[in-house]
Amino acid sequence: GGMLINDRYVMTAAHCVKGFMWFMIKVTFGEHNRCNTT
C-alpha cells in the first residue's frame, strides 16, 4: 500500500520498493474493491 501526500508523490515503505524494477510498479487511486474488475 501507499498514500498520496500531494498531487505528484506517493509515500510508502522503502522495503516495498528496494531492489524492485521501479518501472514495473503501477499505482492506483480511488480504489475500494480491488477484486472488482469492472
All heavy atoms as atom14 arrays in JSON, in Angstrom:
{
  "sequence": "GGMLINDRYVMTAAHCVKGFMWFMIKVTFGEHNRCNTT",
  "atom14_mask": [
    [1, 1, 1, 1, 0, 0, 0, 0, 0, 0, 0, 0, 0, 0],
    [1, 1, 1, 1, 0, 0, 0, 0, 0, 0, 0, 0, 0, 0],
    [1, 1, 1, 1, 1, 1, 1, 1, 0, 0, 0, 0, 0, 0],
    [1, 1, 1, 1, 1, 1, 1, 1, 0, 0, 0, 0, 0, 0],
    [1, 1, 1, 1, 1, 1, 1, 1, 0, 0, 0, 0, 0, 0],
    [1, 1, 1, 1, 1, 1, 1, 1, 0, 0, 0, 0, 0, 0],
    [1, 1, 1, 1, 1, 1, 1, 1, 0, 0, 0, 0, 0, 0],
    [1, 1, 1, 1, 1, 1, 1, 1, 1, 1, 1, 0, 0, 0],
    [1, 1, 1, 1, 1, 1, 1, 1, 1, 1, 1, 1, 0, 0],
    [1, 1, 1, 1, 1, 1, 1, 0, 0, 0, 0, 0, 0, 0],
    [1, 1, 1, 1, 1, 1, 1, 1, 0, 0, 0, 0, 0, 0],
    [1, 1, 1, 1, 1, 1, 1, 0, 0, 0, 0, 0, 0, 0],
    [1, 1, 1, 1, 1, 0, 0, 0, 0, 0, 0, 0, 0, 0],
    [1, 1, 1, 1, 1, 0, 0, 0, 0, 0, 0, 0, 0, 0],
    [1, 1, 1, 1, 1, 1, 1, 1, 1, 1, 0, 0, 0, 0],
    [1, 1, 1, 1, 1, 1, 0, 0, 0, 0, 0, 0, 0, 0],
    [1, 1, 1, 1, 1, 1, 1, 0, 0, 0, 0, 0, 0, 0],
    [1, 1, 1, 1, 1, 1, 1, 1, 1, 0, 0, 0, 0, 0],
    [1, 1, 1, 1, 0, 0, 0, 0, 0, 0, 0, 0, 0, 0],
    [1, 1, 1, 1, 1, 1, 1, 1, 1, 1, 1, 0, 0, 0],
    [1, 1, 1, 1, 1, 1, 1, 1, 0, 0, 0, 0, 0, 0],
    [1, 1, 1, 1, 1, 1, 1, 1, 1, 1, 1, 1, 1, 1],
    [1, 1, 1, 1, 1, 1, 1, 1, 1, 1, 1, 0, 0, 0],
    [1, 1, 1, 1, 1, 1, 1, 1, 0, 0, 0, 0, 0, 0],
    [1, 1, 1, 1, 1, 1, 1, 1, 0, 0, 0, 0, 0, 0],
    [1, 1, 1, 1, 1, 1, 1, 1, 1, 0, 0, 0, 0, 0],
    [1, 1, 1, 1, 1, 1, 1, 0, 0, 0, 0, 0, 0, 0],
    [1, 1, 1, 1, 1, 1, 1, 0, 0, 0, 0, 0, 0, 0],
    [1, 1, 1, 1, 1, 1, 1, 1, 1, 1, 1, 0, 0, 0],
    [1, 1, 1, 1, 0, 0, 0, 0, 0, 0, 0, 0, 0, 0],
    [1, 1, 1, 1, 1, 1, 1, 1, 1, 0, 0, 0, 0, 0],
    [1, 1, 1, 1, 1, 1, 1, 1, 1, 1, 0, 0, 0, 0],
    [1, 1, 1, 1, 1, 1, 1, 1, 0, 0, 0, 0, 0, 0],
    [1, 1, 1, 1, 1, 1, 1, 1, 1, 1, 1, 0, 0, 0],
    [1, 1, 1, 1, 1, 1, 0, 0, 0, 0, 0, 0, 0, 0],
    [1, 1, 1, 1, 1, 1, 1, 1, 0, 0, 0, 0, 0, 0],
    [1, 1, 1, 1, 1, 1, 1, 0, 0, 0, 0, 0, 0, 0],
    [1, 1, 1, 1, 1, 1, 1, 0, 0, 0, 0, 0, 0, 0]
  ],
  "atom14_positions": [
    [[0.82, -1.2, 0.0], [0.0, 0.0, 0.0], [0.86, 1.25, 0.0], [2.09, 1.19, 0.04], [0.0, 0.0, 0.0], [0.0, 0.0, 0.0], [0.0, 0.0, 0.0], [0.0, 0.0, 0.0], [0.0, 0.0, 0.0], [0.0, 0.0, 0.0], [0.0, 0.0, 0.0], [0.0, 0.0, 0.0], [0.0, 0.0, 0.0], [0.0, 0.0, 0.0]],
    [[0.2, 2.37, -0.04], [0.89, 3.66, 0.0], [-0.14, 4.74, 0.23], [-1.34, 4.46, 0.39], [0.0, 0.0, 0.0], [0.0, 0.0, 0.0], [0.0, 0.0, 0.0], [0.0, 0.0, 0.0], [0.0, 0.0, 0.0], [0.0, 0.0, 0.0], [0.0, 0.0, 0.0], [0.0, 0.0, 0.0], [0.0, 0.0, 0.0], [0.0, 0.0, 0.0]],
    [[0.31, 6.0, 0.25], [-0.62, 7.1, 0.45], [-0.19, 8.3, -0.36], [1.0, 8.59, -0.49], [-0.73, 7.46, 1.92], [0.5, 8.09, 2.53], [1.09, 7.31, 4.05], [1.7, 5.74, 3.5], [0.0, 0.0, 0.0], [0.0, 0.0, 0.0], [0.0, 0.0, 0.0], [0.0, 0.0, 0.0], [0.0, 0.0, 0.0], [0.0, 0.0, 0.0]],
    [[-1.17, 9.01, -0.89], [-0.91, 10.22, -1.66], [-0.65, 11.36, -0.68], [-1.45, 11.59, 0.24], [-2.13, 10.54, -2.53], [-1.96, 11.63, -3.59], [-1.01, 11.17, -4.69], [-3.33, 12.0, -4.18], [0.0, 0.0, 0.0], [0.0, 0.0, 0.0], [0.0, 0.0, 0.0], [0.0, 0.0, 0.0], [0.0, 0.0, 0.0], [0.0, 0.0, 0.0]],
    [[0.46, 12.08, -0.85], [0.76, 13.21, 0.05], [0.66, 14.56, -0.66], [0.66, 15.6, 0.0], [2.15, 13.06, 0.71], [3.26, 13.0, -0.34], [2.18, 11.84, 1.62], [4.67, 13.08, 0.25], [0.0, 0.0, 0.0], [0.0, 0.0, 0.0], [0.0, 0.0, 0.0], [0.0, 0.0, 0.0], [0.0, 0.0, 0.0], [0.0, 0.0, 0.0]],
    [[0.59, 14.54, -1.97], [0.37, 15.75, -2.77], [-0.05, 15.28, -4.16], [-0.38, 14.11, -4.34], [1.61, 16.65, -2.81], [2.87, 15.88, -3.19], [2.9, 15.16, -4.18], [3.92, 16.01, -2.37], [0.0, 0.0, 0.0], [0.0, 0.0, 0.0], [0.0, 0.0, 0.0], [0.0, 0.0, 0.0], [0.0, 0.0, 0.0], [0.0, 0.0, 0.0]],
    [[-0.04, 16.16, -5.15], [-0.55, 15.76, -6.45], [0.45, 14.96, -7.28], [0.12, 14.5, -8.38], [-0.99, 16.99, -7.25], [0.17, 17.89, -7.66], [1.25, 17.81, -7.02], [0.01, 18.68, -8.62], [0.0, 0.0, 0.0], [0.0, 0.0, 0.0], [0.0, 0.0, 0.0], [0.0, 0.0, 0.0], [0.0, 0.0, 0.0], [0.0, 0.0, 0.0]],
    [[1.66, 14.73, -6.76], [2.7, 14.11, -7.58], [3.44, 12.97, -6.88], [4.13, 12.2, -7.55], [3.69, 15.19, -8.0], [4.71, 14.76, -9.0], [5.12, 15.9, -9.91], [5.04, 15.51, -11.29], [5.09, 16.34, -12.31], [5.18, 17.63, -12.1], [5.02, 15.91, -13.54], [0.0, 0.0, 0.0], [0.0, 0.0, 0.0], [0.0, 0.0, 0.0]],
    [[3.31, 12.83, -5.59], [4.11, 11.85, -4.86], [3.26, 10.95, -3.97], [2.3, 11.4, -3.32], [5.15, 12.55, -3.98], [6.29, 13.16, -4.76], [6.17, 14.45, -5.28], [7.47, 12.45, -4.99], [7.21, 15.03, -6.0], [8.51, 13.02, -5.7], [8.38, 14.3, -6.21], [9.41, 14.86, -6.93], [0.0, 0.0, 0.0], [0.0, 0.0, 0.0]],
    [[3.66, 9.7, -3.96], [3.1, 8.71, -3.04], [4.18, 8.33, -2.05], [5.35, 8.17, -2.43], [2.62, 7.46, -3.81], [2.38, 6.28, -2.88], [1.34, 7.78, -4.59], [0.0, 0.0, 0.0], [0.0, 0.0, 0.0], [0.0, 0.0, 0.0], [0.0, 0.0, 0.0], [0.0, 0.0, 0.0], [0.0, 0.0, 0.0], [0.0, 0.0, 0.0]],
    [[3.81, 8.21, -0.79], [4.74, 7.75, 0.23], [4.42, 6.3, 0.56], [3.26, 5.9, 0.65], [4.63, 8.61, 1.48], [5.68, 8.31, 2.54], [5.89, 9.69, 3.7], [4.28, 9.75, 4.48], [0.0, 0.0, 0.0], [0.0, 0.0, 0.0], [0.0, 0.0, 0.0], [0.0, 0.0, 0.0], [0.0, 0.0, 0.0], [0.0, 0.0, 0.0]],
    [[5.47, 5.49, 0.73], [5.3, 4.08, 1.05], [6.5, 3.63, 1.88], [7.34, 4.45, 2.28], [5.16, 3.24, -0.24], [4.81, 1.9, 0.1], [6.45, 3.24, -1.05], [0.0, 0.0, 0.0], [0.0, 0.0, 0.0], [0.0, 0.0, 0.0], [0.0, 0.0, 0.0], [0.0, 0.0, 0.0], [0.0, 0.0, 0.0], [0.0, 0.0, 0.0]],
    [[6.6, 2.34, 2.13], [7.75, 1.79, 2.86], [8.89, 1.52, 1.89], [8.66, 1.1, 0.75], [7.35, 0.5, 3.57], [0.0, 0.0, 0.0], [0.0, 0.0, 0.0], [0.0, 0.0, 0.0], [0.0, 0.0, 0.0], [0.0, 0.0, 0.0], [0.0, 0.0, 0.0], [0.0, 0.0, 0.0], [0.0, 0.0, 0.0], [0.0, 0.0, 0.0]],
    [[10.11, 1.75, 2.34], [11.27, 1.51, 1.48], [11.38, 0.03, 1.1], [11.82, -0.3, 0.0], [12.55, 1.98, 2.17], [0.0, 0.0, 0.0], [0.0, 0.0, 0.0], [0.0, 0.0, 0.0], [0.0, 0.0, 0.0], [0.0, 0.0, 0.0], [0.0, 0.0, 0.0], [0.0, 0.0, 0.0], [0.0, 0.0, 0.0], [0.0, 0.0, 0.0]],
    [[10.99, -0.87, 2.02], [11.12, -2.3, 1.68], [10.13, -2.72, 0.6], [10.26, -3.81, 0.04], [10.99, -3.17, 2.94], [9.58, -3.37, 3.42], [9.06, -2.68, 4.49], [8.6, -4.2, 3.01], [7.82, -3.07, 4.71], [7.51, -3.99, 3.81], [0.0, 0.0, 0.0], [0.0, 0.0, 0.0], [0.0, 0.0, 0.0], [0.0, 0.0, 0.0]],
    [[9.15, -1.86, 0.29], [8.21, -2.14, -0.8], [8.81, -1.83, -2.17], [8.25, -2.24, -3.2], [6.93, -1.33, -0.63], [5.83, -1.94, 0.68], [0.0, 0.0, 0.0], [0.0, 0.0, 0.0], [0.0, 0.0, 0.0], [0.0, 0.0, 0.0], [0.0, 0.0, 0.0], [0.0, 0.0, 0.0], [0.0, 0.0, 0.0], [0.0, 0.0, 0.0]],
    [[9.92, -1.1, -2.19], [10.49, -0.7, -3.48], [11.97, -0.99, -3.61], [12.53, -0.92, -4.72], [10.25, 0.81, -3.74], [8.77, 1.09, -3.95], [10.78, 1.66, -2.6], [0.0, 0.0, 0.0], [0.0, 0.0, 0.0], [0.0, 0.0, 0.0], [0.0, 0.0, 0.0], [0.0, 0.0, 0.0], [0.0, 0.0, 0.0], [0.0, 0.0, 0.0]],
    [[12.63, -1.31, -2.52], [14.08, -1.56, -2.59], [14.38, -2.74, -3.5], [13.92, -3.85, -3.28], [14.66, -1.83, -1.2], [16.17, -2.12, -1.25], [16.75, -2.37, 0.12], [18.2, -2.82, 0.04], [19.06, -1.84, -0.63], [0.0, 0.0, 0.0], [0.0, 0.0, 0.0], [0.0, 0.0, 0.0], [0.0, 0.0, 0.0], [0.0, 0.0, 0.0]],
    [[15.18, -2.49, -4.53], [15.57, -3.54, -5.44], [14.54, -3.88, -6.5], [14.82, -4.66, -7.41], [0.0, 0.0, 0.0], [0.0, 0.0, 0.0], [0.0, 0.0, 0.0], [0.0, 0.0, 0.0], [0.0, 0.0, 0.0], [0.0, 0.0, 0.0], [0.0, 0.0, 0.0], [0.0, 0.0, 0.0], [0.0, 0.0, 0.0], [0.0, 0.0, 0.0]],
    [[13.34, -3.33, -6.42], [12.33, -3.62, -7.42], [12.64, -2.87, -8.72], [13.29, -1.83, -8.71], [10.95, -3.17, -6.92], [10.3, -4.12, -5.96], [10.8, -4.29, -4.69], [9.17, -4.83, -6.32], [10.2, -5.15, -3.78], [8.55, -5.69, -5.44], [9.06, -5.86, -4.17], [0.0, 0.0, 0.0], [0.0, 0.0, 0.0], [0.0, 0.0, 0.0]],
    [[12.15, -3.39, -9.82], [12.21, -2.66, -11.08], [11.11, -1.62, -11.01], [9.93, -1.92, -11.22], [12.02, -3.62, -12.26], [13.16, -4.6, -12.43], [13.05, -5.6, -13.95], [11.72, -6.71, -13.5], [0.0, 0.0, 0.0], [0.0, 0.0, 0.0], [0.0, 0.0, 0.0], [0.0, 0.0, 0.0], [0.0, 0.0, 0.0], [0.0, 0.0, 0.0]],
    [[11.49, -0.38, -10.67], [10.51, 0.66, -10.38], [9.54, 0.91, -11.52], [8.4, 1.29, -11.31], [11.22, 1.96, -9.99], [12.27, 2.38, -10.98], [13.59, 2.05, -10.95], [12.08, 3.18, -12.14], [14.24, 2.6, -12.03], [13.33, 3.3, -12.78], [10.97, 3.82, -12.71], [13.5, 4.02, -13.96], [11.14, 4.53, -13.87], [12.41, 4.63, -14.49]],
    [[9.98, 0.68, -12.76], [9.11, 0.96, -13.91], [8.02, -0.11, -14.07], [7.11, 0.04, -14.9], [9.94, 1.05, -15.2], [10.87, -0.11, -15.42], [10.43, -1.27, -16.01], [12.2, -0.02, -15.04], [11.28, -2.34, -16.21], [13.07, -1.08, -15.23], [12.6, -2.25, -15.81], [0.0, 0.0, 0.0], [0.0, 0.0, 0.0], [0.0, 0.0, 0.0]],
    [[8.07, -1.18, -13.26], [7.04, -2.21, -13.3], [6.01, -2.01, -12.18], [5.09, -2.82, -12.04], [7.66, -3.6, -13.19], [8.52, -4.0, -14.37], [7.6, -4.02, -15.93], [6.4, -5.31, -15.6], [0.0, 0.0, 0.0], [0.0, 0.0, 0.0], [0.0, 0.0, 0.0], [0.0, 0.0, 0.0], [0.0, 0.0, 0.0], [0.0, 0.0, 0.0]],
    [[6.17, -0.96, -11.39], [5.23, -0.69, -10.31], [4.09, 0.19, -10.84], [4.33, 1.26, -11.39], [5.92, 0.01, -9.13], [7.02, -0.88, -8.55], [4.9, 0.35, -8.04], [7.85, -0.21, -7.47], [0.0, 0.0, 0.0], [0.0, 0.0, 0.0], [0.0, 0.0, 0.0], [0.0, 0.0, 0.0], [0.0, 0.0, 0.0], [0.0, 0.0, 0.0]],
    [[2.87, -0.28, -10.66], [1.69, 0.5, -11.04], [0.97, 0.94, -9.77], [0.78, 0.15, -8.85], [0.75, -0.32, -11.92], [-0.47, 0.46, -12.41], [-1.28, -0.32, -13.43], [-2.02, -1.47, -12.78], [-2.95, -2.12, -13.74], [0.0, 0.0, 0.0], [0.0, 0.0, 0.0], [0.0, 0.0, 0.0], [0.0, 0.0, 0.0], [0.0, 0.0, 0.0]],
    [[0.57, 2.2, -9.72], [-0.11, 2.75, -8.55], [-1.55, 3.11, -8.95], [-1.77, 3.75, -9.97], [0.61, 4.0, -8.03], [-0.02, 4.46, -6.72], [2.09, 3.74, -7.83], [0.0, 0.0, 0.0], [0.0, 0.0, 0.0], [0.0, 0.0, 0.0], [0.0, 0.0, 0.0], [0.0, 0.0, 0.0], [0.0, 0.0, 0.0], [0.0, 0.0, 0.0]],
    [[-2.5, 2.69, -8.12], [-3.9, 3.03, -8.4], [-4.48, 3.82, -7.23], [-4.11, 3.63, -6.08], [-4.76, 1.78, -8.65], [-4.69, 0.92, -7.5], [-4.26, 1.02, -9.87], [0.0, 0.0, 0.0], [0.0, 0.0, 0.0], [0.0, 0.0, 0.0], [0.0, 0.0, 0.0], [0.0, 0.0, 0.0], [0.0, 0.0, 0.0], [0.0, 0.0, 0.0]],
    [[-5.42, 4.72, -7.57], [-6.07, 5.59, -6.58], [-7.58, 5.47, -6.7], [-8.11, 5.06, -7.72], [-5.66, 7.05, -6.81], [-4.18, 7.3, -6.8], [-3.45, 7.3, -7.98], [-3.51, 7.51, -5.61], [-2.08, 7.51, -7.98], [-2.14, 7.73, -5.6], [-1.43, 7.73, -6.79], [0.0, 0.0, 0.0], [0.0, 0.0, 0.0], [0.0, 0.0, 0.0]],
    [[-8.26, 5.83, -5.63], [-9.72, 5.81, -5.65], [-10.29, 4.42, -5.72], [-11.42, 4.22, -6.2], [0.0, 0.0, 0.0], [0.0, 0.0, 0.0], [0.0, 0.0, 0.0], [0.0, 0.0, 0.0], [0.0, 0.0, 0.0], [0.0, 0.0, 0.0], [0.0, 0.0, 0.0], [0.0, 0.0, 0.0], [0.0, 0.0, 0.0], [0.0, 0.0, 0.0]],
    [[-9.55, 3.44, -5.21], [-9.99, 2.05, -5.31], [-10.5, 1.57, -3.96], [-9.94, 1.89, -2.91], [-8.82, 1.17, -5.77], [-9.23, -0.2, -6.24], [-8.14, -0.89, -7.05], [-7.02, -0.37, -7.1], [-8.43, -1.94, -7.64], [0.0, 0.0, 0.0], [0.0, 0.0, 0.0], [0.0, 0.0, 0.0], [0.0, 0.0, 0.0], [0.0, 0.0, 0.0]],
    [[-11.55, 0.78, -3.99], [-12.1, 0.18, -2.76], [-12.06, -1.34, -2.84], [-11.38, -1.98, -2.05], [-13.54, 0.66, -2.54], [-14.2, 0.0, -1.36], [-13.79, 0.24, -0.07], [-15.21, -0.9, -1.28], [-14.53, -0.49, 0.76], [-15.4, -1.19, 0.05], [0.0, 0.0, 0.0], [0.0, 0.0, 0.0], [0.0, 0.0, 0.0], [0.0, 0.0, 0.0]],
    [[-12.77, -1.9, -3.8], [-12.77, -3.35, -4.01], [-11.8, -3.67, -5.14], [-12.13, -3.52, -6.31], [-14.17, -3.83, -4.33], [-14.26, -5.36, -4.43], [-13.24, -6.05, -4.52], [-15.47, -5.88, -4.42], [0.0, 0.0, 0.0], [0.0, 0.0, 0.0], [0.0, 0.0, 0.0], [0.0, 0.0, 0.0], [0.0, 0.0, 0.0], [0.0, 0.0, 0.0]],
    [[-10.61, -4.12, -4.8], [-9.6, -4.37, -5.81], [-9.93, -5.59, -6.66], [-9.3, -5.81, -7.7], [-8.23, -4.53, -5.15], [-8.12, -5.72, -4.25], [-6.75, -5.91, -3.65], [-6.68, -7.19, -2.95], [-6.46, -8.34, -3.57], [-6.23, -8.38, -4.85], [-6.46, -9.46, -2.88], [0.0, 0.0, 0.0], [0.0, 0.0, 0.0], [0.0, 0.0, 0.0]],
    [[-10.89, -6.4, -6.23], [-11.28, -7.6, -6.99], [-12.36, -7.3, -8.03], [-12.71, -8.16, -8.83], [-11.77, -8.69, -6.04], [-10.55, -9.21, -4.82], [0.0, 0.0, 0.0], [0.0, 0.0, 0.0], [0.0, 0.0, 0.0], [0.0, 0.0, 0.0], [0.0, 0.0, 0.0], [0.0, 0.0, 0.0], [0.0, 0.0, 0.0], [0.0, 0.0, 0.0]],
    [[-12.9, -6.09, -7.99], [-13.93, -5.69, -8.93], [-13.28, -5.19, -10.21], [-12.81, -4.05, -10.29], [-14.81, -4.6, -8.32], [-16.0, -4.24, -9.2], [-16.07, -4.64, -10.36], [-16.94, -3.48, -8.65], [0.0, 0.0, 0.0], [0.0, 0.0, 0.0], [0.0, 0.0, 0.0], [0.0, 0.0, 0.0], [0.0, 0.0, 0.0], [0.0, 0.0, 0.0]],
    [[-13.23, -6.03, -11.22], [-12.53, -5.7, -12.46], [-13.34, -4.78, -13.37], [-12.84, -4.31, -14.39], [-12.17, -6.98, -13.22], [-13.38, -7.73, -13.47], [-11.21, -7.84, -12.42], [0.0, 0.0, 0.0], [0.0, 0.0, 0.0], [0.0, 0.0, 0.0], [0.0, 0.0, 0.0], [0.0, 0.0, 0.0], [0.0, 0.0, 0.0], [0.0, 0.0, 0.0]],
    [[-14.6, -4.53, -13.04], [-15.42, -3.66, -13.88], [-15.16, -2.18, -13.6], [-15.49, -1.32, -14.4], [-16.91, -3.95, -13.66], [-17.26, -3.68, -12.29], [-17.23, -5.42, -13.97], [0.0, 0.0, 0.0], [0.0, 0.0, 0.0], [0.0, 0.0, 0.0], [0.0, 0.0, 0.0], [0.0, 0.0, 0.0], [0.0, 0.0, 0.0], [0.0, 0.0, 0.0]]
  ]
}
